[in-house]
Amino acid sequence: MNIFDQYLDKIKKILIDLSKNGDLIIPNSLDGITAEIPPVKFQCDISTNVAMVLSKINKKSPEDLAKIIVEAIKKKDELIEEISIAKPGFINIKLKPVFWTNFAKEIIENSKTFGINIKEKKKNYLIEFVSANPTGPLHVGHCRGAILGDVIANILLFNNHKVTKEYYVNDYGNQIINFTKSVYFRIREIIFNEPFPTDNEDLYPGNYLIDFAQNIIKSNKNIDFKNFDKISEKLTNLSIQESLTLIKNNLNSLGIYHDNFMSEKKLVINKEVEKVVEYLKNRKFVYKGKIKAPAGENINNWIEREQLLFKSTDFGDDKDRALQKSDAAWTYFASDVAYHKNKLDRKFDKLINILGADHSGYIKRISSSVEALSNSKDKLICKVSQLVKLIKDKKPFKMSKRKGDYITVDDLISEVGKDATRFIMLSRSSDVELDFDFDAVREKSKDNPLYYVQYCYARIASVYRNIGLSLDTKLNIKDYNFVYSSDEINILKKISEWPKCIEASSSRLEPHRIPVYLYELSSQFHSYWNLGKENPNKRFIDQKQNITDDKLVFLKTVSNVIKSGMSIIGVNTPEKM
């Protein structure tokens, strides 16, 4: 039940009637008209801009036009307590208490669908996220992007879209060669007591490779590890398998599971790079040329060589991009173009890429290639996950670890747990840096948003538990003839905003809106709960351990929304704390 959509539909019908009667002129499209959550200063429930949108075509001031519309609305809706006009022409609607009783009833009866945007056209999405090189465990930088991608997928699924979650495995190129050599040297270290060549900067020094090496030795006793060249291909496959197992375990500990793992190597083997380049050639998007020295590069050290270039500047990029080097080797960009052609060939309506902060400069070039391949500017959406700063004792925090020179996902979860990691990583917009404060996460106070939301749910569960019920109990209430207090109505108003929160989170791919909303709702509830400490009449259970139907319904509506929101962001709602 989206009350804002309901009233928007009512307003549009009233406008059509006024138009038929000759009282008002309306355009062919009414898309610019909105019914929104009003600013606090308006002290109403719904605010619409209808008079301002239609003032020009009707050659009237917004306020004069609003008077005509207000009179028509009054005649059509008996549930409106008050309707007023605010400068420069907003129409503000305040609803009667009985409306909120009916609202609570509807939510109880439709708890599983409350918040779903039924008007949104359903699409088939492919979300590619994480896609870290398969050379070691995931670190904190990957963690935020992983959660972002996962929750975007959950939001879209909640809104009944079709979603495929994909991890692109960069298992081809120099980094894989160096990774395989690193594993090989760890194997030599174990079998032949040879020291690992720490002075080789191309190698991966992390001690996690010791685990990889031990697992490979144990499971492949028939392999002779004396000659690297003879076993390199086999060892590469085994090493990548070990790394992907570790990465999947890292993701699973966060509650994240991908539908597909797409191999770059397979794209290369299947000649998909050659095919996409040929496709672009046929469309006149490829030419041979030279690239000037990048910004910051010493011109004297830069040698211009003829390369095969993609005309990315035709699609908004700041320079054309190399597909093939002068030595005929394909660039990383060429593989990525082939991958996105593969995505497009699978007939998804929308492609979403979640990129790390270090890949923000990559957006223009990959977006230009997708536009060239699809003839659409809107096919690909890129979201950037900015950096995370770990704070402890108000200082940058570095944990002890044996994984390399970075803090891993497992390190983070072992410190604060999955729920805190997911909730806090989502607490700010993904395009701004995030401070992850370990001390704040452990606090049992309002300053810890996760605790505050979970405690809200636990409080409601405790009321039900004290009267021998569970929050899963289906309420069998026939008489909804009760009226809510102003405090309760204010909370129900906040609940009415839930569909708007889902709508914005889905259309803008901004999942941080959900934990922010849940915190605000919980804060309002806690304030109301605390009134009962001073005033027994404000308590949910009376001295005889009874609870009225209105309170049961009210608590259920709050708990349903919290449960739904926490489920979307992948966080638990414990009934006891």
Protein backbone atom coordinates (compact mmCIF):
# COMPACT_ATOMS: atom_id res chain seq x y z
CA MET A 1 0.00 0.00 0.00
CA ASN A 2 1.69 3.16 -1.22
CA ILE A 3 -0.46 6.00 0.06
CA PHE A 4 1.42 8.53 -2.06
CA ASP A 5 0.72 6.62 -5.27
CA GLN A 6 -2.90 6.18 -4.18
CA TYR A 7 -3.39 9.90 -3.69
CA LEU A 8 -1.56 10.73 -6.87
CA ASP A 9 -3.97 8.52 -8.78
CA LYS A 10 -6.92 10.19 -7.00
CA ILE A 11 -5.60 13.65 -7.88
CA LYS A 12 -5.12 12.73 -11.52
CA LYS A 13 -8.70 11.42 -11.75
CA ILE A 14 -9.99 14.64 -10.20
CA LEU A 15 -7.99 16.66 -12.75
CA ILE A 16 -9.52 14.68 -15.62
CA ASP A 17 -13.02 15.34 -14.24
CA LEU A 18 -12.29 19.05 -13.87
CA SER A 19 -10.98 19.12 -17.41
CA LYS A 20 -14.13 17.44 -18.75
CA ASN A 21 -16.24 20.03 -16.96
CA GLY A 22 -14.21 22.86 -18.47
CA ASP A 23 -12.89 24.01 -15.07
CA LEU A 24 -9.26 23.20 -15.85
CA ILE A 25 -6.88 22.62 -18.72
CA ILE A 26 -4.60 19.60 -18.49
CA PRO A 27 -1.72 18.55 -20.77
CA ASN A 28 -1.55 15.20 -22.58
CA SER A 29 0.82 13.88 -19.91
CA LEU A 30 0.48 14.32 -16.15
CA ASP A 31 3.90 12.80 -15.40
CA GLY A 32 5.28 15.94 -13.76
CA ILE A 33 2.70 15.86 -10.98
CA THR A 34 3.81 14.28 -7.72
CA ALA A 35 2.44 13.31 -4.31
CA GLU A 36 5.33 13.27 -1.89
CA ILE A 37 6.41 13.05 1.73
CA PRO A 38 5.98 16.65 2.98
CA PRO A 39 8.62 18.68 4.79
CA VAL A 40 8.12 18.67 8.57
CA LYS A 41 7.19 22.38 8.54
CA PHE A 42 4.00 21.67 6.56
CA GLN A 43 2.59 19.45 9.38
CA CYS A 44 0.60 17.29 7.00
CA ASP A 45 0.71 13.78 5.55
CA ILE A 46 0.89 14.27 1.77
CA SER A 47 2.05 17.20 -0.34
CA THR A 48 1.43 17.67 -4.06
CA ASN A 49 2.87 20.09 -6.61
CA VAL A 50 -0.11 19.77 -8.98
CA ALA A 51 -1.06 23.46 -8.93
CA MET A 52 2.47 24.60 -9.75
CA VAL A 53 2.78 22.13 -12.64
CA LEU A 54 -0.51 23.20 -14.22
CA SER A 55 -0.42 26.95 -13.49
CA LYS A 56 1.25 27.98 -16.74
CA ILE A 57 -1.06 26.07 -19.08
CA ASN A 58 -4.08 27.41 -17.16
CA LYS A 59 -2.70 30.97 -17.07
CA LYS A 60 -3.36 31.22 -13.34
CA SER A 61 -1.11 31.66 -10.34
CA PRO A 62 -0.35 28.36 -8.54
CA GLU A 63 -2.24 29.52 -5.46
CA ASP A 64 -5.39 30.51 -7.41
CA LEU A 65 -5.34 27.22 -9.29
CA ALA A 66 -4.76 25.32 -6.04
CA LYS A 67 -8.02 26.74 -4.62
CA ILE A 68 -9.99 25.18 -7.49
CA ILE A 69 -8.28 21.80 -7.08
CA VAL A 70 -8.60 21.83 -3.27
CA GLU A 71 -12.39 22.27 -3.46
CA ALA A 72 -12.65 19.33 -5.86
CA ILE A 73 -10.48 17.10 -3.62
CA LYS A 74 -12.60 17.94 -0.54
CA LYS A 75 -15.73 16.69 -2.30
CA LYS A 76 -14.09 13.41 -3.35
CA ASP A 77 -12.40 12.18 -0.17
CA GLU A 78 -14.06 11.77 3.23
CA LEU A 79 -10.83 10.61 4.89
CA ILE A 80 -9.19 14.04 4.62
CA GLU A 81 -9.18 15.91 7.92
CA GLU A 82 -7.62 19.09 6.60
CA ILE A 83 -6.38 20.39 3.25
CA SER A 84 -4.42 23.62 2.89
CA ILE A 85 -2.33 25.62 0.46
CA ALA A 86 1.27 26.67 1.13
CA LYS A 87 3.37 29.08 -0.95
CA PRO A 88 4.17 29.00 -3.76
CA GLY A 89 1.26 26.61 -4.41
CA PHE A 90 1.74 23.29 -2.64
CA ILE A 91 -1.47 21.48 -1.71
CA ASN A 92 -1.04 19.81 1.68
CA ILE A 93 -3.30 17.00 2.87
CA LYS A 94 -3.78 15.88 6.48
CA LEU A 95 -5.64 12.58 6.91
CA LYS A 96 -8.13 11.58 9.61
CA PRO A 97 -7.08 9.13 12.38
CA VAL A 98 -9.42 6.50 10.92
CA PHE A 99 -7.28 6.48 7.77
CA TRP A 100 -4.30 5.31 9.82
CA THR A 101 -6.35 2.57 11.46
CA ASN A 102 -7.30 1.28 8.01
CA PHE A 103 -3.68 1.69 6.90
CA ALA A 104 -2.40 -0.51 9.75
CA LYS A 105 -5.03 -3.13 8.93
CA GLU A 106 -3.97 -3.25 5.28
CA ILE A 107 -0.33 -3.68 6.20
CA ILE A 108 -1.15 -6.58 8.50
CA GLU A 109 -3.19 -8.24 5.76
CA ASN A 110 -0.56 -7.62 3.07
CA SER A 111 2.66 -7.79 5.07
CA LYS A 112 4.58 -9.81 2.46
CA THR A 113 3.90 -7.35 -0.37
CA PHE A 114 4.01 -4.05 1.52
CA GLY A 115 6.66 -1.83 -0.05
CA ILE A 116 6.84 -3.59 -3.43
CA ASN A 117 6.61 -1.14 -6.32
CA ILE A 118 3.87 -2.75 -8.41
CA LYS A 119 3.99 0.06 -10.99
CA GLU A 120 7.68 -0.39 -11.82
CA LYS A 121 8.19 -2.21 -15.13
CA LYS A 122 9.82 -5.56 -14.41
CA LYS A 123 13.23 -6.11 -16.01
CA ASN A 124 15.98 -8.70 -16.28
CA TYR A 125 19.20 -7.45 -14.62
CA LEU A 126 22.77 -8.71 -14.66
CA ILE A 127 24.81 -7.41 -11.73
CA GLU A 128 28.55 -7.91 -11.89
CA PHE A 129 30.26 -7.24 -8.59
CA VAL A 130 33.43 -7.99 -6.64
CA SER A 131 35.34 -9.49 -9.60
CA ALA A 132 38.60 -9.24 -7.66
CA ASN A 133 41.65 -10.90 -9.21
CA PRO A 134 41.71 -14.58 -8.17
CA THR A 135 45.08 -14.19 -6.51
CA GLY A 136 44.20 -14.14 -2.82
CA PRO A 137 41.63 -13.39 -0.13
CA LEU A 138 39.21 -10.50 -0.35
CA HIS A 139 40.21 -7.38 1.56
CA VAL A 140 38.12 -4.63 3.17
CA GLY A 141 38.07 -2.61 -0.05
CA HIS A 142 36.30 -5.50 -1.79
CA CYS A 143 33.94 -5.94 1.14
CA ARG A 144 31.98 -2.73 0.67
CA GLY A 145 31.48 -3.29 -3.06
CA ALA A 146 30.45 -6.90 -2.44
CA ILE A 147 27.74 -5.86 0.02
CA LEU A 148 26.63 -3.01 -2.25
CA GLY A 149 26.14 -5.37 -5.20
CA ASP A 150 24.42 -8.01 -3.10
CA VAL A 151 21.91 -5.60 -1.56
CA ILE A 152 21.15 -3.92 -4.89
CA ALA A 153 20.31 -7.41 -6.14
CA ASN A 154 18.09 -8.00 -3.08
CA ILE A 155 16.22 -4.73 -3.62
CA LEU A 156 15.55 -5.55 -7.26
CA LEU A 157 14.44 -9.07 -6.34
CA PHE A 158 12.13 -7.64 -3.67
CA ASN A 159 10.55 -5.52 -6.40
CA ASN A 160 9.99 -8.72 -8.45
CA HIS A 161 12.69 -8.08 -11.05
CA LYS A 162 14.76 -10.94 -12.41
CA VAL A 163 18.39 -10.74 -11.26
CA THR A 164 21.56 -12.66 -12.07
CA LYS A 165 24.59 -12.06 -9.83
CA GLU A 166 27.91 -12.58 -11.59
CA TYR A 167 31.61 -12.59 -10.70
CA TYR A 168 34.07 -11.95 -13.55
CA VAL A 169 37.19 -14.04 -12.95
CA ASN A 170 40.31 -12.32 -14.30
CA ASP A 171 42.14 -15.62 -14.80
CA TYR A 172 44.21 -14.56 -17.80
CA GLY A 173 47.27 -12.34 -18.13
CA ASN A 174 50.51 -11.47 -16.37
CA GLN A 175 49.01 -11.31 -12.89
CA ILE A 176 47.99 -14.97 -13.18
CA ILE A 177 51.44 -15.97 -14.40
CA ASN A 178 53.01 -14.19 -11.42
CA PHE A 179 50.44 -15.67 -9.06
CA THR A 180 51.15 -19.21 -10.29
CA LYS A 181 54.89 -18.66 -9.89
CA SER A 182 54.27 -17.42 -6.33
CA VAL A 183 52.39 -20.62 -5.47
CA TYR A 184 55.15 -22.65 -7.11
CA PHE A 185 57.84 -21.02 -4.97
CA ARG A 186 55.78 -21.73 -1.84
CA ILE A 187 55.56 -25.37 -2.93
CA ARG A 188 59.35 -25.43 -3.41
CA GLU A 189 59.71 -23.84 0.01
CA ILE A 190 57.69 -26.67 1.61
CA ILE A 191 59.13 -29.62 -0.35
CA PHE A 192 62.73 -28.57 -0.93
CA ASN A 193 63.26 -26.03 1.88
CA GLU A 194 64.06 -23.35 -0.68
CA PRO A 195 63.57 -19.76 0.58
CA PHE A 196 60.77 -17.79 -1.00
CA PRO A 197 62.29 -15.04 -3.24
CA THR A 198 60.97 -12.05 -1.29
CA ASP A 199 63.09 -9.67 -3.36
CA ASN A 200 61.02 -10.41 -6.48
CA GLU A 201 58.42 -7.60 -6.57
CA ASP A 202 56.30 -9.39 -9.21
CA LEU A 203 55.43 -12.18 -6.79
CA TYR A 204 52.62 -12.33 -4.21
CA PRO A 205 54.21 -12.46 -0.73
CA GLY A 206 51.16 -13.29 1.42
CA ASN A 207 51.43 -16.26 3.74
CA TYR A 208 47.99 -17.43 2.58
CA LEU A 209 49.89 -18.93 -0.37
CA ILE A 210 51.40 -21.45 2.05
CA ASP A 211 47.89 -22.83 2.61
CA PHE A 212 47.34 -23.00 -1.15
CA ALA A 213 50.64 -24.78 -1.64
CA GLN A 214 49.96 -27.31 1.13
CA ASN A 215 46.50 -28.10 -0.25
CA ILE A 216 47.88 -28.58 -3.76
CA ILE A 217 50.71 -30.84 -2.56
CA LYS A 218 48.32 -32.93 -0.47
CA SER A 219 45.76 -33.39 -3.27
CA ASN A 220 48.20 -33.90 -6.16
CA LYS A 221 50.80 -36.40 -5.04
CA ASN A 222 51.35 -37.54 -8.63
CA ILE A 223 52.71 -34.15 -9.74
CA ASP A 224 56.46 -33.63 -9.97
CA PHE A 225 57.12 -30.07 -8.80
CA LYS A 226 60.74 -29.94 -9.98
CA ASN A 227 60.08 -28.33 -13.38
CA PHE A 228 57.77 -25.30 -13.52
CA ASP A 229 57.38 -25.24 -17.30
CA LYS A 230 56.07 -28.80 -17.42
CA ILE A 231 53.37 -28.22 -14.80
CA SER A 232 52.61 -24.50 -15.25
CA GLU A 233 49.21 -24.94 -16.91
CA LYS A 234 48.08 -27.57 -14.41
CA LEU A 235 49.42 -25.52 -11.51
CA THR A 236 47.67 -22.38 -12.77
CA ASN A 237 44.31 -24.15 -12.75
CA LEU A 238 44.92 -25.60 -9.29
CA SER A 239 46.08 -22.26 -7.89
CA ILE A 240 43.06 -20.39 -9.28
CA GLN A 241 40.79 -23.10 -7.90
CA GLU A 242 42.34 -22.64 -4.44
CA SER A 243 41.99 -18.88 -4.62
CA LEU A 244 38.38 -18.99 -5.83
CA THR A 245 37.49 -21.41 -3.04
CA LEU A 246 38.92 -18.93 -0.53
CA ILE A 247 37.13 -16.00 -2.19
CA LYS A 248 33.80 -17.86 -2.22
CA ASN A 249 34.27 -18.68 1.46
CA ASN A 250 34.99 -14.99 2.16
CA LEU A 251 31.81 -14.01 0.33
CA ASN A 252 29.72 -16.74 1.93
CA SER A 253 30.78 -15.53 5.39
CA LEU A 254 29.18 -12.21 4.39
CA GLY A 255 26.04 -13.99 3.23
CA ILE A 256 26.87 -13.39 -0.44
CA TYR A 257 26.40 -15.99 -3.17
CA HIS A 258 26.88 -15.48 -6.92
CA ASP A 259 24.87 -17.20 -9.63
CA ASN A 260 27.71 -17.24 -12.18
CA PHE A 261 31.49 -17.11 -12.26
CA MET A 262 32.54 -15.97 -15.73
CA SER A 263 36.10 -16.83 -16.81
CA GLU A 264 38.17 -14.32 -18.80
CA LYS A 265 40.36 -17.21 -19.98
CA LYS A 266 37.35 -18.94 -21.55
CA LEU A 267 36.49 -15.76 -23.44
CA VAL A 268 40.02 -15.72 -24.86
CA ILE A 269 40.03 -19.44 -25.70
CA ASN A 270 36.64 -19.13 -27.42
CA LYS A 271 38.01 -16.32 -29.59
CA GLU A 272 35.41 -13.89 -28.24
CA VAL A 273 37.95 -11.06 -28.21
CA GLU A 274 38.67 -11.52 -31.93
CA LYS A 275 34.95 -11.75 -32.65
CA VAL A 276 34.05 -8.53 -30.86
CA VAL A 277 36.94 -6.63 -32.49
CA GLU A 278 35.75 -7.85 -35.89
CA TYR A 279 32.22 -6.76 -34.97
CA LEU A 280 33.46 -3.26 -34.10
CA LYS A 281 35.56 -3.13 -37.27
CA ASN A 282 32.49 -3.88 -39.37
CA ARG A 283 30.73 -0.99 -37.68
CA LYS A 284 33.66 1.36 -38.39
CA PHE A 285 34.47 1.84 -34.70
CA VAL A 286 38.08 0.61 -34.95
CA TYR A 287 41.18 2.05 -36.61
CA LYS A 288 44.99 1.90 -36.46
CA GLY A 289 46.58 4.85 -34.75
CA LYS A 290 48.96 6.11 -32.09
CA ILE A 291 48.21 7.12 -28.51
CA LYS A 292 49.87 10.16 -27.00
CA ALA A 293 51.65 9.92 -23.69
CA PRO A 294 49.22 9.72 -20.71
CA ALA A 295 49.04 12.67 -18.31
CA GLY A 296 52.00 12.64 -15.96
CA GLU A 297 54.07 10.38 -18.21
CA ASN A 298 57.52 11.66 -19.23
CA ILE A 299 57.24 12.42 -22.97
CA ASN A 300 60.88 11.58 -23.46
CA ASN A 301 60.27 8.06 -22.15
CA TRP A 302 57.12 7.52 -24.17
CA ILE A 303 57.32 5.82 -27.56
CA GLU A 304 54.30 6.23 -29.81
CA ARG A 305 53.52 2.94 -31.52
CA GLU A 306 50.76 2.14 -33.94
CA GLN A 307 48.01 0.19 -32.23
CA LEU A 308 44.47 -0.96 -32.95
CA LEU A 309 42.22 1.65 -31.34
CA PHE A 310 38.53 1.81 -30.46
CA LYS A 311 36.75 5.12 -31.20
CA SER A 312 35.59 5.62 -27.62
CA THR A 313 35.66 9.42 -28.08
CA ASP A 314 32.64 8.99 -30.38
CA PHE A 315 30.74 7.92 -27.27
CA GLY A 316 31.87 10.49 -24.73
CA ASP A 317 35.27 9.17 -23.62
CA ASP A 318 38.17 11.62 -23.33
CA LYS A 319 40.45 9.59 -25.64
CA ASP A 320 40.37 6.53 -27.88
CA ARG A 321 41.38 3.25 -26.25
CA ALA A 322 43.77 0.54 -27.37
CA LEU A 323 42.34 -2.90 -28.17
CA GLN A 324 45.53 -4.45 -29.49
CA LYS A 325 49.14 -3.53 -28.81
CA SER A 326 51.84 -3.10 -31.44
CA ASP A 327 53.09 -6.61 -30.64
CA ALA A 328 49.61 -7.99 -31.52
CA ALA A 329 48.76 -8.82 -27.89
CA TRP A 330 45.22 -7.98 -26.79
CA THR A 331 44.81 -5.36 -24.07
CA TYR A 332 42.86 -5.89 -20.85
CA PHE A 333 40.30 -3.49 -22.27
CA ALA A 334 39.76 -5.74 -25.28
CA SER A 335 38.90 -8.66 -22.98
CA ASP A 336 36.48 -6.45 -21.05
CA VAL A 337 34.78 -5.36 -24.28
CA ALA A 338 34.41 -9.03 -25.25
CA TYR A 339 32.95 -9.78 -21.82
CA HIS A 340 30.35 -7.05 -22.16
CA LYS A 341 29.45 -8.28 -25.65
CA ASN A 342 28.91 -11.66 -24.01
CA LYS A 343 26.63 -10.00 -21.44
CA LEU A 344 24.63 -8.26 -24.16
CA ASP A 345 24.26 -11.47 -26.13
CA ARG A 346 22.54 -13.01 -23.09
CA LYS A 347 19.69 -10.52 -23.59
CA PHE A 348 19.57 -8.75 -20.24
CA ASP A 349 17.52 -5.57 -20.08
CA LYS A 350 20.05 -3.81 -17.86
CA LEU A 351 23.69 -4.35 -16.96
CA ILE A 352 24.99 -3.12 -13.60
CA ASN A 353 28.71 -2.97 -12.76
CA ILE A 354 29.89 -2.39 -9.19
CA LEU A 355 33.37 -0.89 -9.36
CA GLY A 356 35.97 -0.16 -6.70
CA ALA A 357 37.24 3.36 -6.07
CA ASP A 358 40.39 2.62 -8.07
CA HIS A 359 38.29 1.82 -11.15
CA SER A 360 36.19 5.00 -11.29
CA GLY A 361 38.28 6.26 -14.22
CA TYR A 362 37.36 3.11 -16.11
CA ILE A 363 33.66 3.98 -16.40
CA LYS A 364 33.83 6.15 -19.51
CA ARG A 365 35.72 3.63 -21.62
CA ILE A 366 33.58 0.62 -20.74
CA SER A 367 30.36 2.65 -21.03
CA SER A 368 31.43 3.82 -24.48
CA SER A 369 32.04 0.25 -25.62
CA VAL A 370 28.63 -0.91 -24.36
CA GLU A 371 26.96 1.99 -26.15
CA ALA A 372 28.76 1.07 -29.37
CA LEU A 373 27.76 -2.58 -28.98
CA SER A 374 24.15 -2.01 -27.97
CA ASN A 375 23.18 1.31 -29.60
CA SER A 376 21.96 2.43 -26.18
CA LYS A 377 23.29 4.96 -23.68
CA ASP A 378 21.23 3.45 -20.88
CA LYS A 379 22.12 -0.23 -21.12
CA LEU A 380 24.96 -0.09 -18.58
CA ILE A 381 24.86 1.42 -15.10
CA CYS A 382 28.11 1.75 -13.15
CA LYS A 383 28.16 2.24 -9.37
CA VAL A 384 31.38 3.09 -7.55
CA SER A 385 32.14 1.79 -4.08
CA GLN A 386 34.39 4.28 -2.34
CA LEU A 387 37.13 3.57 0.18
CA VAL A 388 36.67 2.35 3.75
CA LYS A 389 38.73 3.70 6.64
CA LEU A 390 38.96 1.47 9.71
CA ILE A 391 38.96 3.41 12.98
CA LYS A 392 39.71 2.19 16.51
CA ASP A 393 40.35 4.39 19.56
CA LYS A 394 39.79 7.31 17.18
CA LYS A 395 42.87 6.25 15.19
CA PRO A 396 43.41 4.33 11.93
CA PHE A 397 43.27 0.67 12.88
CA LYS A 398 45.54 -2.08 11.59
CA MET A 399 44.84 -5.64 12.67
CA SER A 400 47.43 -8.35 13.02
CA LYS A 401 47.18 -10.76 10.11
CA ARG A 402 49.01 -13.40 8.11
CA LYS A 403 47.26 -12.72 4.80
CA GLY A 404 49.57 -10.18 3.21
CA ASP A 405 49.78 -6.42 3.52
CA TYR A 406 46.05 -5.72 3.83
CA ILE A 407 43.09 -6.37 6.12
CA THR A 408 40.90 -9.20 4.87
CA VAL A 409 37.15 -9.74 4.97
CA ASP A 410 37.69 -12.59 7.43
CA ASP A 411 39.70 -10.25 9.68
CA LEU A 412 36.81 -7.79 9.72
CA ILE A 413 34.10 -10.38 10.37
CA SER A 414 36.10 -11.96 13.19
CA GLU A 415 36.25 -8.52 14.83
CA VAL A 416 32.62 -7.38 14.54
CA GLY A 417 30.54 -10.12 12.85
CA LYS A 418 28.57 -10.33 9.60
CA ASP A 419 25.59 -8.22 10.65
CA ALA A 420 27.66 -5.23 11.77
CA THR A 421 29.85 -5.46 8.69
CA ARG A 422 26.88 -5.43 6.31
CA PHE A 423 24.87 -2.78 8.14
CA ILE A 424 27.69 -0.30 8.67
CA MET A 425 29.06 -0.74 5.13
CA LEU A 426 25.61 0.32 3.89
CA SER A 427 25.13 3.20 6.30
CA ARG A 428 26.43 5.85 3.88
CA SER A 429 26.06 6.40 0.16
CA SER A 430 28.53 4.23 -1.75
CA ASP A 431 30.01 7.23 -3.58
CA VAL A 432 31.50 8.76 -0.41
CA GLU A 433 34.25 7.39 1.82
CA LEU A 434 33.16 5.49 4.91
CA ASP A 435 34.67 5.51 8.40
CA PHE A 436 34.16 2.10 10.00
CA ASP A 437 34.50 2.72 13.74
CA PHE A 438 35.06 -0.52 15.68
CA ASP A 439 34.31 1.12 19.04
CA ALA A 440 30.98 2.55 17.87
CA VAL A 441 29.93 -0.81 16.40
CA ARG A 442 30.29 -2.47 19.80
CA GLU A 443 28.29 0.13 21.70
CA LYS A 444 24.82 -0.72 22.97
CA SER A 445 23.38 2.71 22.39
CA LYS A 446 21.78 5.04 19.87
CA ASP A 447 25.25 5.71 18.48
CA ASN A 448 25.35 2.17 17.11
CA PRO A 449 22.69 2.11 14.37
CA LEU A 450 22.71 -1.69 14.03
CA TYR A 451 22.12 -2.23 17.74
CA TYR A 452 19.42 0.43 17.78
CA VAL A 453 17.43 -1.21 14.97
CA GLN A 454 17.88 -4.77 16.26
CA TYR A 455 16.94 -3.64 19.79
CA CYS A 456 13.75 -2.09 18.41
CA TYR A 457 12.72 -5.44 16.94
CA ALA A 458 13.73 -7.30 20.11
CA ARG A 459 11.62 -4.95 22.24
CA ILE A 460 8.55 -5.64 20.12
CA ALA A 461 9.26 -9.39 20.26
CA SER A 462 9.46 -9.18 24.07
CA VAL A 463 5.93 -7.75 24.25
CA TYR A 464 4.55 -10.60 22.17
CA ARG A 465 6.58 -13.13 24.15
CA ASN A 466 5.21 -11.82 27.48
CA ILE A 467 1.64 -12.54 26.37
CA GLY A 468 2.49 -15.97 25.00
CA LEU A 469 2.62 -15.02 21.32
CA SER A 470 5.31 -14.84 18.67
CA LEU A 471 5.78 -12.22 15.99
CA ASP A 472 5.01 -14.94 13.47
CA THR A 473 1.56 -15.43 15.02
CA LYS A 474 -1.23 -14.50 12.61
CA LEU A 475 -3.49 -11.90 14.21
CA ASN A 476 -7.18 -12.78 14.09
CA ILE A 477 -8.71 -9.38 14.72
CA LYS A 478 -12.16 -8.69 13.30
CA ASP A 479 -12.95 -5.30 14.82
CA TYR A 480 -10.64 -2.49 13.69
CA ASN A 481 -12.84 0.16 15.20
CA PHE A 482 -10.03 1.63 17.29
CA VAL A 483 -8.29 5.00 16.97
CA TYR A 484 -4.55 5.57 17.31
CA SER A 485 -2.92 8.27 19.42
CA SER A 486 -0.96 11.09 17.83
CA ASP A 487 2.32 9.41 18.87
CA GLU A 488 1.29 6.18 17.19
CA ILE A 489 0.03 7.96 14.08
CA ASN A 490 3.40 9.71 13.72
CA ILE A 491 5.09 6.30 13.65
CA LEU A 492 2.51 4.95 11.20
CA LYS A 493 3.26 7.97 9.00
CA LYS A 494 6.91 6.92 9.03
CA ILE A 495 5.86 3.39 8.07
CA SER A 496 3.88 4.85 5.15
CA GLU A 497 7.20 6.13 3.78
CA TRP A 498 8.58 2.60 3.44
CA PRO A 499 7.35 2.08 -0.16
CA LYS A 500 8.93 5.43 -1.07
CA CYS A 501 12.21 4.27 0.44
CA ILE A 502 12.11 1.04 -1.60
CA GLU A 503 11.18 2.96 -4.74
CA ALA A 504 14.12 5.36 -4.41
CA SER A 505 16.53 2.58 -3.42
CA SER A 506 15.53 0.57 -6.50
CA SER A 507 15.32 3.31 -9.14
CA ARG A 508 18.53 5.03 -8.01
CA LEU A 509 20.37 1.87 -6.90
CA GLU A 510 21.04 3.46 -3.51
CA PRO A 511 20.69 0.76 -0.83
CA HIS A 512 22.01 3.03 1.95
CA ARG A 513 18.52 4.54 2.09
CA ILE A 514 17.21 1.38 3.77
CA PRO A 515 19.43 1.30 6.92
CA VAL A 516 18.98 5.07 7.24
CA TYR A 517 15.19 4.65 7.10
CA LEU A 518 15.23 1.72 9.57
CA TYR A 519 17.29 3.77 12.03
CA GLU A 520 14.85 6.69 11.80
CA LEU A 521 11.85 4.40 12.31
CA SER A 522 13.52 2.67 15.25
CA SER A 523 14.43 6.00 16.81
CA GLN A 524 10.79 7.12 16.70
CA PHE A 525 9.66 3.82 18.21
CA HIS A 526 12.21 3.94 21.05
CA SER A 527 11.10 7.48 21.91
CA TYR A 528 7.49 6.29 22.12
CA TRP A 529 8.46 3.21 24.16
CA ASN A 530 10.30 5.39 26.66
CA LEU A 531 7.15 7.43 27.34
CA GLY A 532 5.82 4.36 29.14
CA LYS A 533 8.50 4.66 31.79
CA GLU A 534 6.82 7.80 33.14
CA ASN A 535 3.24 7.24 31.98
CA PRO A 536 1.66 3.77 32.57
CA ASN A 537 -1.05 4.60 30.02
CA LYS A 538 1.63 4.64 27.30
CA ARG A 539 2.76 1.09 28.03
CA PHE A 540 1.87 -1.72 25.66
CA ILE A 541 1.01 -4.24 28.39
CA ASP A 542 -1.13 -3.15 31.35
CA GLN A 543 -0.74 -4.20 34.99
CA LYS A 544 -2.94 -7.26 34.40
CA GLN A 545 -0.60 -8.44 31.59
CA ASN A 546 -3.18 -7.64 28.93
CA ILE A 547 -2.69 -5.90 25.63
CA THR A 548 -5.32 -4.25 23.44
CA ASP A 549 -5.87 -5.15 19.79
CA ASP A 550 -4.77 -1.72 18.60
CA LYS A 551 -1.40 -2.17 20.32
CA LEU A 552 -0.97 -5.68 18.88
CA VAL A 553 -1.60 -4.41 15.36
CA PHE A 554 0.60 -1.36 15.86
CA LEU A 555 3.56 -3.40 17.08
CA LYS A 556 3.10 -5.89 14.27
CA THR A 557 3.22 -3.17 11.59
CA VAL A 558 6.48 -1.81 12.99
CA SER A 559 8.10 -5.25 13.30
CA ASN A 560 7.02 -6.29 9.79
CA VAL A 561 8.75 -3.31 8.20
CA ILE A 562 11.92 -3.74 10.26
CA LYS A 563 12.03 -7.45 9.44
CA SER A 564 11.48 -6.75 5.74
CA GLY A 565 14.16 -4.04 5.59
CA MET A 566 16.74 -6.06 7.53
CA SER A 567 16.09 -9.07 5.31
CA ILE A 568 16.77 -6.97 2.20
CA ILE A 569 20.12 -5.77 3.55
CA GLY A 570 20.97 -9.28 4.76
CA VAL A 571 21.01 -8.62 8.51
CA ASN A 572 19.41 -10.69 11.28
CA THR A 573 16.58 -9.54 13.55
CA PRO A 574 17.12 -11.32 16.89
CA GLU A 575 14.10 -11.55 19.20
CA LYS A 576 16.27 -11.39 22.31
CA MET A 577 19.30 -9.14 23.02
